[in-house]
N, C-alpha and C. Protein backbone atom coordinates (compact mmCIF):
# COMPACT_ATOMS: atom_id res chain seq x y z
N MET A 1 37.34 76.60 131.67
CA MET A 1 36.96 77.92 132.13
C MET A 1 37.11 78.04 133.65
N PHE A 2 36.83 76.96 134.35
CA PHE A 2 36.96 77.00 135.81
C PHE A 2 38.40 77.24 136.22
N PHE A 3 39.35 76.59 135.50
CA PHE A 3 40.77 76.74 135.81
C PHE A 3 41.19 78.20 135.67
N TYR A 4 40.75 78.86 134.61
CA TYR A 4 41.08 80.26 134.38
C TYR A 4 40.48 81.15 135.47
N GLU A 5 39.24 80.91 135.81
CA GLU A 5 38.59 81.72 136.85
C GLU A 5 39.27 81.53 138.20
N ALA A 6 39.69 80.29 138.50
CA ALA A 6 40.39 80.02 139.76
C ALA A 6 41.75 80.73 139.77
N LEU A 7 42.48 80.66 138.66
CA LEU A 7 43.76 81.36 138.58
C LEU A 7 43.59 82.86 138.71
N LEU A 8 42.57 83.38 138.07
CA LEU A 8 42.29 84.81 138.13
C LEU A 8 41.98 85.25 139.56
N ALA A 9 41.17 84.48 140.25
CA ALA A 9 40.85 84.80 141.65
C ALA A 9 42.10 84.72 142.51
N PHE A 10 42.96 83.73 142.23
CA PHE A 10 44.22 83.58 142.96
C PHE A 10 45.11 84.80 142.77
N VAL A 11 45.27 85.24 141.52
CA VAL A 11 46.12 86.39 141.21
C VAL A 11 45.56 87.65 141.88
N LYS A 12 44.27 87.87 141.74
CA LYS A 12 43.67 89.07 142.36
C LYS A 12 43.81 89.01 143.87
N GLY A 13 43.66 87.83 144.44
CA GLY A 13 43.78 87.68 145.89
C GLY A 13 45.16 88.01 146.39
N TYR A 14 46.19 87.42 145.78
CA TYR A 14 47.52 87.71 146.30
C TYR A 14 47.98 89.12 145.96
N LEU A 15 47.50 89.69 144.85
CA LEU A 15 47.84 91.09 144.56
C LEU A 15 47.22 92.02 145.60
N GLU A 16 46.00 91.72 146.00
CA GLU A 16 45.35 92.55 147.01
C GLU A 16 46.08 92.44 148.35
N ILE A 17 46.46 91.24 148.74
CA ILE A 17 47.17 91.05 150.01
C ILE A 17 48.54 91.71 149.97
N LEU A 18 49.32 91.45 148.91
CA LEU A 18 50.67 92.02 148.83
C LEU A 18 50.64 93.53 148.62
N SER A 19 49.59 94.04 147.99
CA SER A 19 49.45 95.49 147.86
C SER A 19 49.34 96.14 149.23
N GLY A 20 48.56 95.51 150.10
CA GLY A 20 48.44 96.02 151.46
C GLY A 20 49.74 95.96 152.22
N ILE A 21 50.48 94.89 152.05
CA ILE A 21 51.76 94.74 152.75
C ILE A 21 52.79 95.76 152.26
N PHE A 22 52.86 95.98 150.95
CA PHE A 22 53.88 96.85 150.39
C PHE A 22 53.40 98.29 150.17
N GLY A 23 52.20 98.60 150.60
CA GLY A 23 51.70 99.96 150.50
C GLY A 23 51.32 100.39 149.10
N VAL A 24 50.93 99.47 148.26
CA VAL A 24 50.48 99.78 146.91
C VAL A 24 48.96 99.88 146.93
N ILE A 25 48.43 100.90 146.30
CA ILE A 25 46.98 101.08 146.27
C ILE A 25 46.39 100.13 145.24
N TYR A 26 45.52 99.24 145.71
CA TYR A 26 44.90 98.22 144.86
C TYR A 26 43.42 98.54 144.72
N HIS A 27 42.92 98.46 143.49
CA HIS A 27 41.49 98.64 143.26
C HIS A 27 41.05 97.69 142.16
N GLU A 28 39.96 97.00 142.43
CA GLU A 28 39.39 96.10 141.43
C GLU A 28 38.11 96.72 140.89
N PHE A 29 37.93 96.66 139.59
CA PHE A 29 36.73 97.19 138.96
C PHE A 29 35.76 96.04 138.75
N PRO A 30 34.77 95.89 139.63
CA PRO A 30 33.89 94.73 139.55
C PRO A 30 33.06 94.65 138.28
N SER A 31 32.75 95.77 137.67
CA SER A 31 31.90 95.74 136.48
C SER A 31 32.70 95.50 135.20
N SER A 32 34.02 95.56 135.30
CA SER A 32 34.83 95.40 134.08
C SER A 32 35.31 93.96 133.94
N ASP A 33 35.96 93.72 132.84
CA ASP A 33 36.45 92.38 132.52
C ASP A 33 37.89 92.24 133.02
N ASN A 34 38.05 91.84 134.28
CA ASN A 34 39.36 91.55 134.89
C ASN A 34 40.30 92.75 134.89
N LEU A 35 39.76 93.92 135.14
CA LEU A 35 40.56 95.13 135.18
C LEU A 35 40.85 95.49 136.64
N ILE A 36 42.11 95.76 136.92
CA ILE A 36 42.50 96.20 138.26
C ILE A 36 43.33 97.47 138.10
N ALA A 37 43.53 98.17 139.21
CA ALA A 37 44.41 99.34 139.21
C ALA A 37 45.39 99.19 140.36
N LEU A 38 46.65 99.43 140.07
CA LEU A 38 47.72 99.44 141.06
C LEU A 38 48.34 100.82 141.05
N ASN A 39 48.19 101.54 142.15
CA ASN A 39 48.67 102.92 142.25
C ASN A 39 48.19 103.79 141.09
N GLY A 40 46.96 103.57 140.67
CA GLY A 40 46.35 104.38 139.63
C GLY A 40 46.59 103.90 138.21
N ALA A 41 47.44 102.89 138.02
CA ALA A 41 47.70 102.36 136.68
C ALA A 41 46.76 101.19 136.43
N SER A 42 45.98 101.27 135.37
CA SER A 42 45.01 100.22 135.06
C SER A 42 45.70 99.07 134.33
N LEU A 43 45.41 97.86 134.79
CA LEU A 43 45.96 96.65 134.18
C LEU A 43 44.84 95.66 133.95
N LYS A 44 44.82 95.07 132.78
CA LYS A 44 43.86 94.01 132.50
C LYS A 44 44.58 92.68 132.67
N ILE A 45 44.05 91.83 133.52
CA ILE A 45 44.67 90.52 133.76
C ILE A 45 44.13 89.54 132.74
N ILE A 46 45.02 89.03 131.92
CA ILE A 46 44.65 87.99 130.96
C ILE A 46 45.26 86.67 131.42
N TYR A 47 44.93 85.62 130.74
CA TYR A 47 45.35 84.27 131.14
C TYR A 47 46.86 84.16 131.31
N GLU A 48 47.62 84.74 130.41
CA GLU A 48 49.07 84.65 130.47
C GLU A 48 49.65 85.42 131.66
N CYS A 49 48.93 86.38 132.19
CA CYS A 49 49.40 87.15 133.34
C CYS A 49 49.39 86.34 134.64
N THR A 50 48.72 85.22 134.63
CA THR A 50 48.61 84.42 135.84
C THR A 50 49.86 83.60 136.10
N ALA A 51 50.80 83.57 135.18
CA ALA A 51 52.05 82.79 135.28
C ALA A 51 51.76 81.30 135.36
N TYR A 52 50.65 80.88 134.78
CA TYR A 52 50.27 79.46 134.85
C TYR A 52 51.33 78.56 134.25
N SER A 53 51.98 79.01 133.18
CA SER A 53 52.98 78.15 132.54
C SER A 53 54.17 77.92 133.46
N TYR A 54 54.51 78.91 134.27
CA TYR A 54 55.62 78.74 135.21
C TYR A 54 55.22 77.83 136.36
N TYR A 55 53.97 77.92 136.81
CA TYR A 55 53.51 77.01 137.85
C TYR A 55 53.52 75.57 137.34
N LEU A 56 53.09 75.37 136.10
CA LEU A 56 53.12 74.02 135.52
C LEU A 56 54.55 73.54 135.32
N PHE A 57 55.43 74.42 134.92
CA PHE A 57 56.83 74.08 134.76
C PHE A 57 57.43 73.65 136.11
N ILE A 58 57.17 74.42 137.15
CA ILE A 58 57.69 74.08 138.47
C ILE A 58 57.14 72.73 138.93
N PHE A 59 55.85 72.52 138.72
CA PHE A 59 55.25 71.25 139.11
C PHE A 59 55.96 70.09 138.40
N ALA A 60 56.21 70.25 137.11
CA ALA A 60 56.83 69.17 136.33
C ALA A 60 58.28 68.93 136.76
N ILE A 61 59.07 69.98 136.91
CA ILE A 61 60.47 69.75 137.26
C ILE A 61 60.63 69.23 138.68
N VAL A 62 59.75 69.66 139.58
CA VAL A 62 59.81 69.14 140.94
C VAL A 62 59.36 67.67 140.96
N LEU A 63 58.32 67.36 140.22
CA LEU A 63 57.82 65.99 140.18
C LEU A 63 58.88 65.02 139.66
N PHE A 64 59.62 65.43 138.64
CA PHE A 64 60.61 64.55 138.03
C PHE A 64 62.04 64.79 138.51
N SER A 65 62.19 65.61 139.53
CA SER A 65 63.54 65.86 140.06
C SER A 65 63.99 64.66 140.90
N PRO A 66 65.29 64.50 141.08
CA PRO A 66 65.80 63.37 141.87
C PRO A 66 65.77 63.64 143.37
N TRP A 67 64.94 64.53 143.82
CA TRP A 67 64.86 64.87 145.23
C TRP A 67 64.09 63.79 145.99
N LYS A 68 64.27 63.77 147.29
CA LYS A 68 63.47 62.89 148.15
C LYS A 68 62.06 63.47 148.22
N TRP A 69 61.09 62.65 148.60
CA TRP A 69 59.69 63.08 148.55
C TRP A 69 59.44 64.29 149.45
N HIS A 70 60.06 64.35 150.63
CA HIS A 70 59.82 65.51 151.51
C HIS A 70 60.49 66.76 150.94
N GLN A 71 61.59 66.59 150.22
CA GLN A 71 62.21 67.73 149.56
C GLN A 71 61.35 68.24 148.41
N LYS A 72 60.68 67.31 147.73
CA LYS A 72 59.76 67.72 146.67
C LYS A 72 58.61 68.54 147.23
N LEU A 73 58.09 68.14 148.37
CA LEU A 73 56.99 68.89 148.98
C LEU A 73 57.45 70.28 149.41
N TRP A 74 58.53 70.34 150.18
CA TRP A 74 59.02 71.64 150.66
C TRP A 74 59.60 72.48 149.53
N GLY A 75 60.37 71.85 148.68
CA GLY A 75 60.97 72.59 147.57
C GLY A 75 59.93 73.09 146.59
N GLY A 76 58.94 72.25 146.27
CA GLY A 76 57.87 72.67 145.37
C GLY A 76 57.06 73.81 145.96
N ALA A 77 56.72 73.70 147.24
CA ALA A 77 55.96 74.77 147.89
C ALA A 77 56.76 76.07 147.92
N THR A 78 58.05 75.97 148.21
CA THR A 78 58.90 77.16 148.23
C THR A 78 58.98 77.80 146.86
N LEU A 79 59.18 76.99 145.83
CA LEU A 79 59.26 77.53 144.47
C LEU A 79 57.94 78.16 144.04
N LEU A 80 56.82 77.56 144.40
CA LEU A 80 55.52 78.14 144.05
C LEU A 80 55.30 79.47 144.75
N ILE A 81 55.68 79.56 146.01
CA ILE A 81 55.54 80.82 146.75
C ILE A 81 56.45 81.89 146.15
N LEU A 82 57.70 81.53 145.86
CA LEU A 82 58.62 82.50 145.27
C LEU A 82 58.16 82.95 143.89
N THR A 83 57.58 82.05 143.12
CA THR A 83 57.06 82.41 141.80
C THR A 83 55.87 83.35 141.93
N THR A 84 55.04 83.11 142.93
CA THR A 84 53.89 84.00 143.19
C THR A 84 54.38 85.40 143.55
N LEU A 85 55.39 85.48 144.42
CA LEU A 85 55.94 86.78 144.78
C LEU A 85 56.59 87.46 143.57
N LEU A 86 57.26 86.68 142.75
CA LEU A 86 57.88 87.23 141.54
C LEU A 86 56.81 87.76 140.58
N ASN A 87 55.71 87.05 140.45
CA ASN A 87 54.64 87.51 139.57
C ASN A 87 54.01 88.81 140.10
N ALA A 88 53.87 88.91 141.43
CA ALA A 88 53.36 90.15 142.01
C ALA A 88 54.32 91.30 141.74
N LEU A 89 55.62 91.03 141.87
CA LEU A 89 56.62 92.05 141.55
C LEU A 89 56.51 92.49 140.10
N ARG A 90 56.21 91.54 139.23
CA ARG A 90 56.02 91.87 137.81
C ARG A 90 54.84 92.81 137.64
N PHE A 91 53.72 92.51 138.28
CA PHE A 91 52.55 93.39 138.20
C PHE A 91 52.87 94.79 138.72
N PHE A 92 53.53 94.86 139.88
CA PHE A 92 53.84 96.16 140.48
C PHE A 92 54.78 96.96 139.59
N SER A 93 55.77 96.28 138.99
CA SER A 93 56.72 97.01 138.13
C SER A 93 56.06 97.45 136.82
N VAL A 94 55.17 96.63 136.28
CA VAL A 94 54.45 97.04 135.06
C VAL A 94 53.55 98.24 135.36
N ALA A 95 52.91 98.25 136.53
CA ALA A 95 52.09 99.40 136.91
C ALA A 95 52.96 100.65 137.03
N TRP A 96 54.16 100.50 137.58
CA TRP A 96 55.06 101.64 137.71
C TRP A 96 55.47 102.15 136.33
N ILE A 97 55.78 101.24 135.41
CA ILE A 97 56.16 101.63 134.04
C ILE A 97 55.01 102.35 133.35
N ILE A 98 53.79 101.85 133.54
CA ILE A 98 52.62 102.50 132.92
C ILE A 98 52.51 103.95 133.38
N ARG A 99 52.75 104.17 134.65
CA ARG A 99 52.61 105.53 135.19
C ARG A 99 53.79 106.43 134.83
N LYS A 100 55.00 105.90 134.87
CA LYS A 100 56.19 106.74 134.70
C LYS A 100 56.71 106.80 133.26
N HIS A 101 56.68 105.68 132.56
CA HIS A 101 57.24 105.61 131.19
C HIS A 101 56.32 104.78 130.30
N PRO A 102 55.12 105.27 129.98
CA PRO A 102 54.16 104.47 129.23
C PRO A 102 54.65 104.07 127.83
N ALA A 103 55.55 104.82 127.25
CA ALA A 103 56.05 104.47 125.92
C ALA A 103 56.90 103.21 125.94
N HIS A 104 57.45 102.85 127.10
CA HIS A 104 58.32 101.68 127.20
C HIS A 104 57.58 100.43 127.67
N LEU A 105 56.28 100.52 127.80
CA LEU A 105 55.51 99.39 128.34
C LEU A 105 55.66 98.12 127.51
N ASP A 106 55.52 98.23 126.19
CA ASP A 106 55.58 97.02 125.36
C ASP A 106 56.92 96.30 125.49
N ILE A 107 58.00 97.04 125.42
CA ILE A 107 59.32 96.43 125.55
C ILE A 107 59.50 95.82 126.93
N PHE A 108 59.13 96.58 127.94
CA PHE A 108 59.31 96.12 129.32
C PHE A 108 58.46 94.89 129.62
N HIS A 109 57.21 94.93 129.21
CA HIS A 109 56.29 93.82 129.51
C HIS A 109 56.56 92.61 128.63
N ASP A 110 56.66 92.82 127.34
CA ASP A 110 56.75 91.69 126.40
C ASP A 110 58.13 91.06 126.32
N TYR A 111 59.16 91.82 126.54
CA TYR A 111 60.50 91.28 126.36
C TYR A 111 61.27 91.16 127.67
N VAL A 112 61.44 92.27 128.35
CA VAL A 112 62.27 92.26 129.57
C VAL A 112 61.70 91.30 130.60
N TRP A 113 60.42 91.45 130.95
CA TRP A 113 59.86 90.61 132.00
C TRP A 113 59.69 89.16 131.57
N ASN A 114 59.38 88.90 130.33
CA ASN A 114 59.25 87.50 129.90
C ASN A 114 60.57 86.76 130.04
N VAL A 115 61.65 87.37 129.58
CA VAL A 115 62.96 86.73 129.68
C VAL A 115 63.41 86.68 131.13
N LEU A 116 63.26 87.78 131.83
CA LEU A 116 63.69 87.86 133.23
C LEU A 116 62.94 86.85 134.10
N PHE A 117 61.66 86.72 133.89
CA PHE A 117 60.84 85.78 134.66
C PHE A 117 61.34 84.35 134.46
N ALA A 118 61.57 83.97 133.22
CA ALA A 118 62.05 82.61 132.93
C ALA A 118 63.42 82.37 133.55
N VAL A 119 64.32 83.32 133.42
CA VAL A 119 65.66 83.16 133.97
C VAL A 119 65.61 83.03 135.49
N ILE A 120 64.82 83.87 136.14
CA ILE A 120 64.74 83.82 137.61
C ILE A 120 64.13 82.51 138.08
N VAL A 121 63.09 82.02 137.42
CA VAL A 121 62.48 80.74 137.81
C VAL A 121 63.49 79.60 137.63
N PHE A 122 64.24 79.60 136.54
CA PHE A 122 65.27 78.58 136.35
C PHE A 122 66.33 78.67 137.45
N LEU A 123 66.77 79.88 137.76
CA LEU A 123 67.79 80.05 138.80
C LEU A 123 67.28 79.60 140.17
N MET A 124 66.02 79.90 140.47
CA MET A 124 65.46 79.45 141.75
C MET A 124 65.49 77.93 141.83
N TYR A 125 65.10 77.26 140.73
CA TYR A 125 65.12 75.80 140.73
C TYR A 125 66.56 75.28 140.88
N PHE A 126 67.50 75.85 140.14
CA PHE A 126 68.87 75.36 140.21
C PHE A 126 69.48 75.55 141.59
N VAL A 127 69.19 76.66 142.23
CA VAL A 127 69.68 76.87 143.60
C VAL A 127 69.07 75.83 144.53
N MET A 128 67.77 75.62 144.44
CA MET A 128 67.10 74.63 145.28
C MET A 128 67.66 73.24 144.98
N HIS A 129 67.84 72.93 143.72
CA HIS A 129 68.38 71.62 143.32
C HIS A 129 69.79 71.42 143.89
N TYR A 130 70.61 72.43 143.78
CA TYR A 130 71.98 72.34 144.30
C TYR A 130 71.97 72.10 145.81
N LEU A 131 71.13 72.83 146.52
CA LEU A 131 71.05 72.66 147.98
C LEU A 131 70.58 71.26 148.36
N PHE A 132 69.58 70.76 147.66
CA PHE A 132 69.05 69.43 147.99
C PHE A 132 70.03 68.32 147.61
N ILE A 133 70.65 68.44 146.45
CA ILE A 133 71.59 67.41 146.01
C ILE A 133 72.82 67.40 146.92
N ARG A 134 73.28 68.57 147.29
CA ARG A 134 74.43 68.66 148.20
C ARG A 134 74.09 68.04 149.55
N LYS A 135 72.88 68.28 150.01
CA LYS A 135 72.45 67.71 151.29
C LYS A 135 72.30 66.19 151.19
N ASN A 136 71.83 65.70 150.05
CA ASN A 136 71.62 64.26 149.87
C ASN A 136 72.93 63.50 149.70
N HIS A 137 73.99 64.15 149.27
CA HIS A 137 75.25 63.47 149.00
C HIS A 137 76.36 63.98 149.91
N LYS A 138 76.10 63.96 151.20
CA LYS A 138 77.14 64.38 152.15
C LYS A 138 78.25 63.33 152.14
N PRO A 139 79.48 63.79 152.14
CA PRO A 139 80.58 62.81 152.18
C PRO A 139 80.61 62.11 153.54
N SER A 140 80.84 60.84 153.49
CA SER A 140 80.88 60.08 154.74
C SER A 140 82.27 60.13 155.34
N ALA A 141 82.34 60.22 156.63
CA ALA A 141 83.62 60.25 157.34
C ALA A 141 84.07 58.83 157.60
N VAL A 142 85.05 58.37 156.85
CA VAL A 142 85.53 57.00 157.00
C VAL A 142 86.93 57.01 157.53
């Protein structure tokens, strides 16, 4: 239960900060069960909305990647930050869909974003992996 509460606080925290940066109106309903509003669209944050599985995936692939230890630290931190920003973008886009096209919410949330999120996280890792491997295997001038 503590892990879920910590993730929930993390998600609400970065949504509030990024809402201020991007000019999105953020409101938290303290008396409700994890309900927030983004630009007037109400969203209930459940465990799966925290992107915990992607954070665990990133942790695992970075831990077992053939990178040097300092690359694992910087690369892992970069991937976690990018995943956090991607999850915030997901929240903002779902709020936009709720307000503009509520009939398409299920398709957009359940299918489009689930597939898109996984593909983008994989691509971020592969780009980072390519950059690190290329850097680690510079051809020697003989």
